[in-house]
Amino acid sequence: MMAESAACAPGVDSRVRALIGQARQLRERGRPHEAEPLLRQAEREAPRHPLVLNEFAARLFAKGNVGASLTLLEQAARAEPDDAEILHNLMRALEALGRHDEALAACERLLVLNPRHLPGLLAKAALQETLGRPRDAAITYRTALQLIPPAISPPPSLAPALEHARRAIEDNNRALESYIGEGLAHIRARFADEPLSRFDQCVDTLLQKRRIFRQQPTFLYFPELPAIEFYDRRLFPWLDGLEAAADDIRRELVAVLSDGAGVLDPYVADPNGMPMEQWRELNNSRRWGVYALWREGRPYAEHIARCPRTVEALEDWPRWDIPGNGPTALFSILDAKTRIPPHTGPVNTRLVVHLPLIVPPGCGFRVGGQERQWQPGKAFVFDDSINHEAWNDSDLPRAILILDTWSPYLSDAERALTRALTERIGEWYGTMSNSRGI
């Protein structure tokens, strides 16, 4: 209990919270006159309560007395650090006073509490623009727009900010288009006689000049690649050698796991404040753990040295070699009574390979409209840009080896351009896309 709340007479704190809560609901419904008596009653009962201070501060802000408003909001935020409305008002006051770095910090605190706070996301993007970070702002604006369901109309008060968000995203896309064109010109020249229309459609889709249909990667869509849920293994003859080594690979994994769960890293490790509710239960949890040999292009030398037979079996593996993104080869351990929610991967230029190693009864896997049971030692290849999920309803962990590989329907020219495109985008944003698959 906060210090101010503790100082209230018994029952006053709860009454004040109820009064303020009712008043907020009435204001949101466009009934401010009904809210006013409730606010006045709360002020009479506990004038120094943090929620009451927030109401006083809002009035001072509306009258242009931003400095006094900020003083009250700072007091309120210290007493009530997890109140989204207080943090939002604090951010607005700091911004109005030109203290943009502090305003952005308050906004980040708000988004940790509620990653789907649309006004907060729009405010964060606007502050990023003010601080000279238009590329970061474009990413934040895009996240904000993606949170608005197609059938829902946002409040009219947000219309100017949403229109500005669309323009900012468009401006960023056009600038990125020029940057990509300049960086890839020399590769296009090398393949001047090659048909590159599919790659051109890929760039147009990335830049939101073309809609995606069928496959639904979260980062990069490459047009005219077949939407095949599970691939014919005859396209991947190197799987025979991998399956032949399955017993040795399993023995090396069992030896690793004998050291305990601490050897595993969480598969999902998203930072706080990201609007990724689907991963809430698995985020930073070893219920879905991994032991990586390579992950997003990074080799794990100690792990590689510990699994020599596995590495030897991967000699013929045609790796999806995108710097900062691939290749990936890792052991994926799904704990008992654990489900991986439906999702799609980031790209459709790669395919994902599963080599099942330890599969207790009650495990299953779905890609698109097809379900498949893992069979130990029998590898398969699927397109993870198609919606997919996995589950382990047993009382024991499930273990598989995961690899990524190029789609066989990309030419050498398209692969080279896709590598360069992904690197160029990573340079633009100062980061690389991560690649999540099951």
Protein backbone atom coordinates (compact mmCIF):
# COMPACT_ATOMS: atom_id res chain seq x y z
CA MET A 1 0.00 0.00 0.00
CA MET A 2 1.35 3.43 -0.94
CA ALA A 3 2.28 5.92 1.78
CA GLU A 4 -0.59 8.29 0.99
CA SER A 5 -3.09 5.48 0.86
CA ALA A 6 -1.84 4.08 4.15
CA ALA A 7 -2.36 7.49 5.76
CA CYS A 8 -6.04 7.48 4.80
CA ALA A 9 -8.70 6.57 7.36
CA PRO A 10 -9.88 2.94 7.11
CA GLY A 11 -11.92 2.48 3.98
CA VAL A 12 -11.11 5.91 2.54
CA ASP A 13 -8.49 4.60 0.11
CA SER A 14 -10.85 2.05 -1.39
CA ARG A 15 -13.68 4.61 -1.61
CA VAL A 16 -11.44 7.14 -3.35
CA ARG A 17 -10.26 4.54 -5.86
CA ALA A 18 -13.85 3.53 -6.57
CA LEU A 19 -14.92 7.15 -7.03
CA ILE A 20 -12.04 7.98 -9.35
CA GLY A 21 -12.59 4.76 -11.30
CA GLN A 22 -16.27 5.56 -11.83
CA ALA A 23 -15.42 9.13 -12.85
CA ARG A 24 -12.87 7.90 -15.41
CA GLN A 25 -15.43 5.53 -16.94
CA LEU A 26 -18.01 8.32 -17.20
CA ARG A 27 -15.52 10.61 -18.91
CA GLU A 28 -14.57 7.86 -21.37
CA ARG A 29 -18.27 7.50 -22.20
CA GLY A 30 -18.58 11.22 -22.89
CA ARG A 31 -20.41 12.06 -19.65
CA PRO A 32 -18.03 14.51 -17.88
CA HIS A 33 -20.81 16.35 -16.00
CA GLU A 34 -21.74 13.14 -14.18
CA ALA A 35 -18.09 12.51 -13.39
CA GLU A 36 -17.48 15.88 -11.76
CA PRO A 37 -19.45 15.30 -8.50
CA LEU A 38 -17.60 12.02 -7.97
CA LEU A 39 -14.25 13.77 -8.38
CA ARG A 40 -15.21 16.51 -5.92
CA GLN A 41 -16.24 13.90 -3.34
CA ALA A 42 -12.90 12.10 -3.75
CA GLU A 43 -11.05 15.40 -3.30
CA ARG A 44 -12.92 16.13 -0.08
CA GLU A 45 -12.16 12.72 1.40
CA ALA A 46 -8.44 12.53 0.52
CA PRO A 47 -6.98 15.64 -1.15
CA ARG A 48 -3.41 14.19 -1.15
CA HIS A 49 -4.34 10.79 -2.54
CA PRO A 50 -2.24 10.08 -5.70
CA LEU A 51 -5.31 9.61 -7.88
CA VAL A 52 -6.72 12.93 -6.62
CA LEU A 53 -3.37 14.63 -7.25
CA ASN A 54 -3.58 13.33 -10.81
CA GLU A 55 -6.99 14.97 -11.22
CA PHE A 56 -5.72 18.29 -9.83
CA ALA A 57 -2.72 18.07 -12.17
CA ALA A 58 -4.94 17.48 -15.21
CA ARG A 59 -6.90 20.66 -14.42
CA LEU A 60 -3.72 22.70 -13.99
CA PHE A 61 -2.37 21.33 -17.28
CA ALA A 62 -5.59 22.28 -19.09
CA LYS A 63 -5.22 25.84 -17.73
CA GLY A 64 -1.65 26.07 -19.00
CA ASN A 65 0.07 25.80 -15.62
CA VAL A 66 2.29 22.92 -16.73
CA GLY A 67 4.99 23.39 -14.09
CA ALA A 68 2.57 23.07 -11.18
CA SER A 69 0.89 20.17 -12.94
CA LEU A 70 4.22 18.35 -13.25
CA THR A 71 5.00 18.82 -9.53
CA LEU A 72 1.74 17.10 -8.57
CA LEU A 73 2.19 14.35 -11.16
CA GLU A 74 5.68 13.55 -9.89
CA GLN A 75 4.25 13.17 -6.39
CA ALA A 76 1.42 11.01 -7.70
CA ALA A 77 3.77 8.81 -9.75
CA ARG A 78 6.04 8.19 -6.76
CA ALA A 79 3.06 7.06 -4.68
CA GLU A 80 1.28 5.19 -7.49
CA PRO A 81 4.01 4.03 -9.94
CA ASP A 82 1.79 1.53 -11.76
CA ASP A 83 -1.09 3.81 -12.73
CA ALA A 84 -1.19 4.15 -16.52
CA GLU A 85 -3.16 7.42 -16.54
CA ILE A 86 -0.75 9.10 -14.12
CA LEU A 87 2.22 8.03 -16.25
CA HIS A 88 0.50 9.23 -19.42
CA ASN A 89 -0.19 12.63 -17.88
CA LEU A 90 3.36 12.80 -16.52
CA MET A 91 4.71 12.10 -20.00
CA ARG A 92 2.54 14.86 -21.50
CA ALA A 93 3.69 17.41 -18.92
CA LEU A 94 7.36 16.57 -19.43
CA GLU A 95 6.91 16.81 -23.18
CA ALA A 96 5.17 20.19 -22.89
CA LEU A 97 8.14 21.47 -20.89
CA GLY A 98 10.59 20.28 -23.54
CA ARG A 99 12.05 17.54 -21.34
CA HIS A 100 11.77 14.99 -24.12
CA ASP A 101 14.20 12.33 -22.86
CA GLU A 102 12.37 12.20 -19.52
CA ALA A 103 9.03 12.14 -21.31
CA LEU A 104 10.17 9.16 -23.38
CA ALA A 105 11.32 7.36 -20.23
CA ALA A 106 7.88 7.90 -18.66
CA CYS A 107 6.27 6.63 -21.84
CA GLU A 108 8.43 3.49 -21.77
CA ARG A 109 7.31 2.85 -18.17
CA LEU A 110 3.70 3.18 -19.31
CA LEU A 111 4.21 0.69 -22.16
CA VAL A 112 5.82 -1.86 -19.84
CA LEU A 113 2.59 -1.74 -17.83
CA ASN A 114 0.40 -1.87 -20.94
CA PRO A 115 2.18 -2.68 -24.23
CA ARG A 116 -1.10 -2.17 -26.14
CA HIS A 117 -1.70 1.40 -24.88
CA LEU A 118 -2.44 3.05 -28.23
CA PRO A 119 -2.08 6.70 -27.10
CA GLY A 120 1.15 5.75 -25.36
CA LEU A 121 2.57 4.14 -28.50
CA LEU A 122 1.63 7.16 -30.60
CA ALA A 123 3.21 9.46 -28.01
CA LYS A 124 6.37 7.34 -27.94
CA ALA A 125 6.71 7.55 -31.72
CA ALA A 126 6.15 11.33 -31.67
CA LEU A 127 8.86 11.71 -29.03
CA GLN A 128 11.23 9.55 -31.09
CA GLU A 129 10.62 11.91 -34.01
CA THR A 130 11.29 14.95 -31.80
CA LEU A 131 14.54 13.36 -30.63
CA GLY A 132 15.69 12.88 -34.23
CA ARG A 133 14.95 9.15 -34.49
CA PRO A 134 12.50 8.91 -37.42
CA ARG A 135 13.32 5.29 -38.21
CA ASP A 136 12.57 4.15 -34.66
CA ALA A 137 9.42 6.28 -34.82
CA ALA A 138 8.28 4.53 -38.01
CA ILE A 139 8.61 1.13 -36.32
CA THR A 140 6.63 2.34 -33.30
CA TYR A 141 3.95 3.91 -35.47
CA ARG A 142 3.61 0.67 -37.43
CA THR A 143 3.21 -1.28 -34.18
CA ALA A 144 0.50 1.16 -33.06
CA LEU A 145 -1.48 0.86 -36.31
CA GLN A 146 -1.27 -2.94 -36.23
CA LEU A 147 -3.01 -2.92 -32.83
CA ILE A 148 -6.20 -1.39 -34.28
CA PRO A 149 -8.64 -4.17 -35.29
CA PRO A 150 -9.99 -3.70 -38.84
CA ALA A 151 -13.62 -3.47 -37.68
CA ILE A 152 -12.95 -0.99 -34.84
CA SER A 153 -12.94 2.79 -35.28
CA PRO A 154 -10.50 4.49 -32.90
CA PRO A 155 -11.65 7.58 -30.94
CA PRO A 156 -11.94 10.70 -33.13
CA SER A 157 -9.46 12.46 -30.84
CA LEU A 158 -6.73 10.10 -32.14
CA ALA A 159 -7.49 10.74 -35.83
CA PRO A 160 -4.80 13.45 -36.37
CA ALA A 161 -2.13 11.33 -34.66
CA LEU A 162 -3.08 8.24 -36.66
CA GLU A 163 -2.98 10.17 -39.93
CA HIS A 164 0.43 11.53 -38.99
CA ALA A 165 1.55 7.97 -38.18
CA ARG A 166 0.55 6.81 -41.68
CA ARG A 167 2.46 9.68 -43.29
CA ALA A 168 5.54 8.99 -41.15
CA ILE A 169 5.51 5.32 -42.12
CA GLU A 170 5.11 6.23 -45.79
CA ASP A 171 7.97 8.75 -45.61
CA ASN A 172 10.20 6.16 -43.97
CA ASN A 173 9.29 3.55 -46.58
CA ARG A 174 10.15 5.87 -49.45
CA ALA A 175 13.49 6.81 -47.86
CA LEU A 176 14.21 3.14 -47.18
CA GLU A 177 13.32 2.35 -50.80
CA SER A 178 16.04 4.71 -52.02
CA TYR A 179 18.53 3.33 -49.50
CA ILE A 180 17.84 -0.25 -50.59
CA GLY A 181 18.07 0.68 -54.28
CA GLU A 182 21.46 2.30 -53.83
CA GLY A 183 22.85 -0.60 -51.81
CA LEU A 184 21.66 -3.35 -54.16
CA ALA A 185 22.48 -1.71 -57.48
CA HIS A 186 25.83 -3.50 -57.84
CA ILE A 187 24.23 -6.90 -57.21
CA ARG A 188 21.51 -6.18 -59.76
CA ALA A 189 24.25 -5.35 -62.25
CA ARG A 190 25.85 -8.76 -61.65
CA PHE A 191 22.55 -10.46 -62.49
CA ALA A 192 21.39 -8.11 -65.22
CA ASP A 193 20.27 -11.01 -67.43
CA GLU A 194 18.37 -12.81 -64.66
CA PRO A 195 14.59 -12.50 -64.16
CA LEU A 196 14.20 -10.50 -60.94
CA SER A 197 10.49 -9.67 -60.98
CA ARG A 198 9.82 -11.85 -57.92
CA PHE A 199 12.54 -10.05 -55.99
CA ASP A 200 11.09 -6.70 -57.06
CA GLN A 201 7.70 -7.79 -55.71
CA CYS A 202 9.44 -8.83 -52.49
CA VAL A 203 10.84 -5.31 -52.01
CA ASP A 204 7.50 -3.72 -52.94
CA THR A 205 5.77 -5.81 -50.29
CA LEU A 206 8.35 -4.93 -47.65
CA LEU A 207 7.80 -1.26 -48.45
CA GLN A 208 4.02 -1.71 -48.19
CA LYS A 209 3.47 -1.05 -51.90
CA ARG A 210 1.98 -4.52 -52.37
CA ARG A 211 -0.29 -6.63 -50.15
CA ILE A 212 0.62 -10.10 -48.90
CA PHE A 213 -1.62 -13.00 -49.77
CA ARG A 214 -1.51 -16.66 -48.66
CA GLN A 215 1.73 -17.04 -46.70
CA GLN A 216 2.01 -14.64 -43.76
CA PRO A 217 5.63 -14.07 -42.65
CA THR A 218 6.01 -11.39 -40.03
CA PHE A 219 9.02 -9.70 -41.65
CA LEU A 220 9.76 -10.42 -45.33
CA TYR A 221 7.46 -11.89 -47.97
CA PHE A 222 8.98 -13.20 -51.21
CA PRO A 223 6.28 -13.54 -53.92
CA GLU A 224 5.50 -16.61 -56.02
CA LEU A 225 7.10 -19.13 -53.69
CA PRO A 226 4.75 -22.08 -53.28
CA ALA A 227 2.68 -22.18 -50.10
CA ILE A 228 3.48 -25.78 -49.22
CA GLU A 229 2.79 -26.82 -45.64
CA PHE A 230 5.00 -29.94 -45.52
CA TYR A 231 7.53 -30.39 -48.34
CA ASP A 232 8.32 -33.50 -50.35
CA ARG A 233 11.51 -34.77 -48.77
CA ARG A 234 12.86 -35.82 -52.18
CA LEU A 235 13.79 -32.16 -52.63
CA PHE A 236 16.21 -32.54 -49.72
CA PRO A 237 18.38 -35.66 -50.31
CA TRP A 238 20.84 -34.54 -47.61
CA LEU A 239 18.21 -35.50 -44.99
CA ASP A 240 19.23 -39.16 -45.42
CA GLY A 241 22.62 -38.51 -43.85
CA LEU A 242 21.05 -36.51 -41.03
CA GLU A 243 18.61 -39.32 -40.20
CA ALA A 244 21.40 -41.88 -40.29
CA ALA A 245 23.11 -40.00 -37.47
CA ALA A 246 19.93 -39.58 -35.39
CA ASP A 247 20.96 -42.06 -32.68
CA ASP A 248 24.35 -40.39 -32.21
CA ILE A 249 22.72 -36.94 -32.17
CA ARG A 250 20.24 -38.12 -29.53
CA ARG A 251 23.04 -39.49 -27.34
CA GLU A 252 24.87 -36.17 -27.46
CA LEU A 253 21.69 -34.31 -26.53
CA VAL A 254 20.97 -36.65 -23.61
CA ALA A 255 24.51 -36.04 -22.33
CA VAL A 256 23.93 -32.29 -22.50
CA LEU A 257 20.59 -32.54 -20.71
CA SER A 258 22.15 -34.62 -17.91
CA ASP A 259 23.62 -31.32 -16.67
CA GLY A 260 20.12 -30.07 -15.84
CA ALA A 261 17.74 -27.44 -17.21
CA GLY A 262 20.27 -24.68 -16.56
CA VAL A 263 22.10 -25.57 -19.78
CA LEU A 264 19.06 -24.40 -21.77
CA ASP A 265 18.18 -20.86 -22.80
CA PRO A 266 14.56 -19.71 -23.11
CA TYR A 267 13.49 -19.91 -26.75
CA VAL A 268 11.41 -16.76 -26.36
CA ALA A 269 13.21 -13.83 -24.74
CA ASP A 270 11.29 -10.71 -25.75
CA PRO A 271 11.97 -7.47 -23.83
CA ASN A 272 9.29 -5.98 -21.59
CA GLY A 273 6.96 -3.55 -23.28
CA MET A 274 6.50 -5.49 -26.51
CA PRO A 275 2.83 -6.15 -27.42
CA MET A 276 3.30 -9.92 -27.80
CA GLU A 277 0.62 -11.42 -25.56
CA GLN A 278 0.74 -14.76 -27.37
CA TRP A 279 4.20 -15.38 -25.89
CA ARG A 280 3.41 -14.18 -22.36
CA GLU A 281 3.43 -17.67 -20.80
CA LEU A 282 6.64 -18.78 -22.55
CA ASN A 283 8.59 -15.52 -22.50
CA ASN A 284 11.90 -15.97 -20.63
CA SER A 285 10.79 -19.47 -19.60
CA ARG A 286 12.70 -22.72 -19.98
CA ARG A 287 9.41 -24.54 -20.49
CA TRP A 288 10.44 -24.02 -24.10
CA GLY A 289 14.21 -24.20 -23.89
CA VAL A 290 16.97 -24.44 -26.46
CA TYR A 291 20.55 -25.56 -26.68
CA ALA A 292 21.95 -23.76 -29.71
CA LEU A 293 24.82 -24.78 -31.96
CA TRP A 294 24.14 -21.83 -34.26
CA ARG A 295 21.39 -19.28 -33.65
CA GLU A 296 20.55 -16.39 -35.95
CA GLY A 297 23.98 -16.72 -37.54
CA ARG A 298 25.93 -16.83 -34.28
CA PRO A 299 28.00 -19.98 -33.58
CA TYR A 300 28.12 -21.26 -30.00
CA ALA A 301 31.67 -22.63 -29.95
CA GLU A 302 31.41 -24.47 -26.61
CA HIS A 303 28.17 -26.16 -27.64
CA ILE A 304 29.58 -27.08 -31.06
CA ALA A 305 32.61 -28.65 -29.42
CA ARG A 306 30.36 -30.68 -27.12
CA CYS A 307 28.32 -32.16 -29.99
CA PRO A 308 30.90 -33.29 -32.58
CA ARG A 309 28.79 -36.06 -34.12
CA THR A 310 25.85 -33.70 -34.58
CA VAL A 311 28.08 -31.12 -36.25
CA GLU A 312 29.58 -33.79 -38.49
CA ALA A 313 26.08 -34.84 -39.57
CA LEU A 314 25.38 -31.23 -40.59
CA GLU A 315 28.23 -31.00 -43.09
CA ASP A 316 25.89 -31.34 -46.09
CA TRP A 317 23.21 -29.06 -44.64
CA PRO A 318 22.45 -26.18 -47.09
CA ARG A 319 22.23 -23.39 -44.56
CA TRP A 320 19.94 -20.37 -44.72
CA ASP A 321 22.90 -18.04 -44.40
CA ILE A 322 21.51 -14.56 -43.73
CA PRO A 323 23.98 -12.60 -41.57
CA GLY A 324 22.42 -11.74 -38.23
CA ASN A 325 19.49 -14.08 -38.91
CA GLY A 326 20.78 -17.47 -39.96
CA PRO A 327 21.83 -20.16 -39.97
CA THR A 328 20.14 -21.71 -36.96
CA ALA A 329 20.73 -25.23 -35.67
CA LEU A 330 19.52 -25.95 -32.17
CA PHE A 331 17.95 -28.51 -29.91
CA SER A 332 14.41 -27.47 -28.96
CA ILE A 333 13.06 -28.89 -25.68
CA LEU A 334 9.32 -28.49 -25.06
CA ASP A 335 8.44 -29.26 -21.47
CA ALA A 336 5.60 -31.51 -20.32
CA LYS A 337 2.08 -30.02 -20.48
CA THR A 338 3.30 -27.10 -22.60
CA ARG A 339 1.90 -25.64 -25.81
CA ILE A 340 3.48 -23.32 -28.36
CA PRO A 341 0.72 -20.95 -29.56
CA PRO A 342 -0.26 -20.54 -33.23
CA HIS A 343 2.11 -18.15 -35.00
CA THR A 344 3.99 -17.52 -38.22
CA GLY A 345 7.70 -17.13 -38.86
CA PRO A 346 9.40 -13.98 -40.16
CA VAL A 347 10.19 -14.96 -43.77
CA ASN A 348 9.19 -17.40 -46.49
CA THR A 349 12.61 -17.63 -48.15
CA ARG A 350 13.67 -20.25 -45.64
CA LEU A 351 12.15 -23.56 -44.67
CA VAL A 352 12.45 -25.25 -41.29
CA VAL A 353 13.66 -28.79 -40.71
CA HIS A 354 12.69 -30.94 -37.72
CA LEU A 355 14.63 -34.04 -36.75
CA PRO A 356 12.61 -35.58 -33.88
CA LEU A 357 14.79 -37.16 -31.18
CA ILE A 358 12.69 -37.71 -28.04
CA VAL A 359 8.92 -37.80 -28.60
CA PRO A 360 6.66 -39.11 -25.82
CA PRO A 361 3.01 -39.94 -26.62
CA GLY A 362 0.67 -36.95 -26.63
CA CYS A 363 2.84 -34.62 -28.74
CA GLY A 364 1.57 -33.00 -31.92
CA PHE A 365 2.32 -30.44 -34.58
CA ARG A 366 0.17 -28.48 -37.05
CA VAL A 367 1.10 -26.44 -40.10
CA GLY A 368 -1.83 -24.77 -41.84
CA GLY A 369 -4.56 -27.37 -42.14
CA GLN A 370 -2.32 -30.43 -41.60
CA GLU A 371 -1.33 -32.13 -38.36
CA ARG A 372 1.68 -34.40 -38.18
CA GLN A 373 3.11 -36.62 -35.48
CA TRP A 374 6.84 -36.53 -34.85
CA GLN A 375 8.54 -39.89 -35.37
CA PRO A 376 11.97 -40.19 -33.75
CA GLY A 377 14.69 -40.24 -36.39
CA LYS A 378 12.37 -39.19 -39.26
CA ALA A 379 13.02 -35.64 -40.49
CA PHE A 380 10.56 -33.39 -42.29
CA VAL A 381 10.59 -29.91 -43.82
CA PHE A 382 7.83 -27.28 -43.52
CA ASP A 383 7.10 -23.65 -44.34
CA ASP A 384 6.94 -21.76 -41.04
CA SER A 385 5.54 -18.62 -42.70
CA ILE A 386 2.26 -20.55 -42.66
CA ASN A 387 0.38 -20.50 -39.36
CA HIS A 388 1.59 -23.38 -37.16
CA GLU A 389 1.63 -24.60 -33.56
CA ALA A 390 2.94 -27.44 -31.38
CA TRP A 391 1.96 -29.13 -28.16
CA ASN A 392 3.26 -31.60 -25.61
CA ASP A 393 0.39 -33.01 -23.55
CA SER A 394 2.57 -35.75 -22.08
CA ASP A 395 4.31 -35.90 -18.70
CA LEU A 396 7.79 -35.86 -20.26
CA PRO A 397 9.83 -33.34 -22.31
CA ARG A 398 9.87 -33.46 -26.11
CA ALA A 399 13.18 -32.87 -27.93
CA ILE A 400 13.92 -32.17 -31.60
CA LEU A 401 16.79 -30.78 -33.65
CA ILE A 402 15.77 -27.68 -35.63
CA LEU A 403 17.56 -26.42 -38.74
CA ASP A 404 16.76 -23.77 -41.32
CA THR A 405 17.43 -24.11 -45.04
CA TRP A 406 16.80 -22.15 -48.21
CA SER A 407 13.61 -22.62 -50.16
CA PRO A 408 14.60 -24.71 -53.20
CA TYR A 409 12.57 -22.34 -55.40
CA LEU A 410 14.97 -19.39 -55.08
CA SER A 411 17.67 -18.82 -57.69
CA ASP A 412 21.27 -17.97 -56.78
CA ALA A 413 20.57 -14.37 -57.80
CA GLU A 414 17.49 -14.17 -55.57
CA ARG A 415 19.38 -15.65 -52.64
CA ALA A 416 22.22 -13.17 -53.04
CA LEU A 417 19.81 -10.25 -53.26
CA THR A 418 17.78 -11.48 -50.29
CA ARG A 419 20.94 -11.68 -48.18
CA ALA A 420 21.90 -8.15 -49.16
CA LEU A 421 18.37 -6.83 -48.70
CA THR A 422 18.11 -8.21 -45.18
CA GLU A 423 21.53 -6.83 -44.25
CA ARG A 424 20.60 -3.45 -45.69
CA ILE A 425 17.38 -3.30 -43.68
CA GLY A 426 19.29 -4.29 -40.53
CA GLU A 427 21.79 -1.50 -41.13
CA TRP A 428 18.93 0.95 -41.62
CA TYR A 429 17.25 0.12 -38.34
CA GLY A 430 20.42 -0.71 -36.44
CA THR A 431 19.28 -4.28 -35.74
CA MET A 432 18.55 -7.52 -37.50
CA SER A 433 15.28 -9.41 -37.57
CA ASN A 434 15.25 -12.47 -35.37
CA SER A 435 13.98 -15.74 -36.71
CA ARG A 436 11.52 -17.65 -34.54
CA GLY A 437 10.30 -21.11 -35.46
CA ILE A 438 9.18 -24.13 -33.50
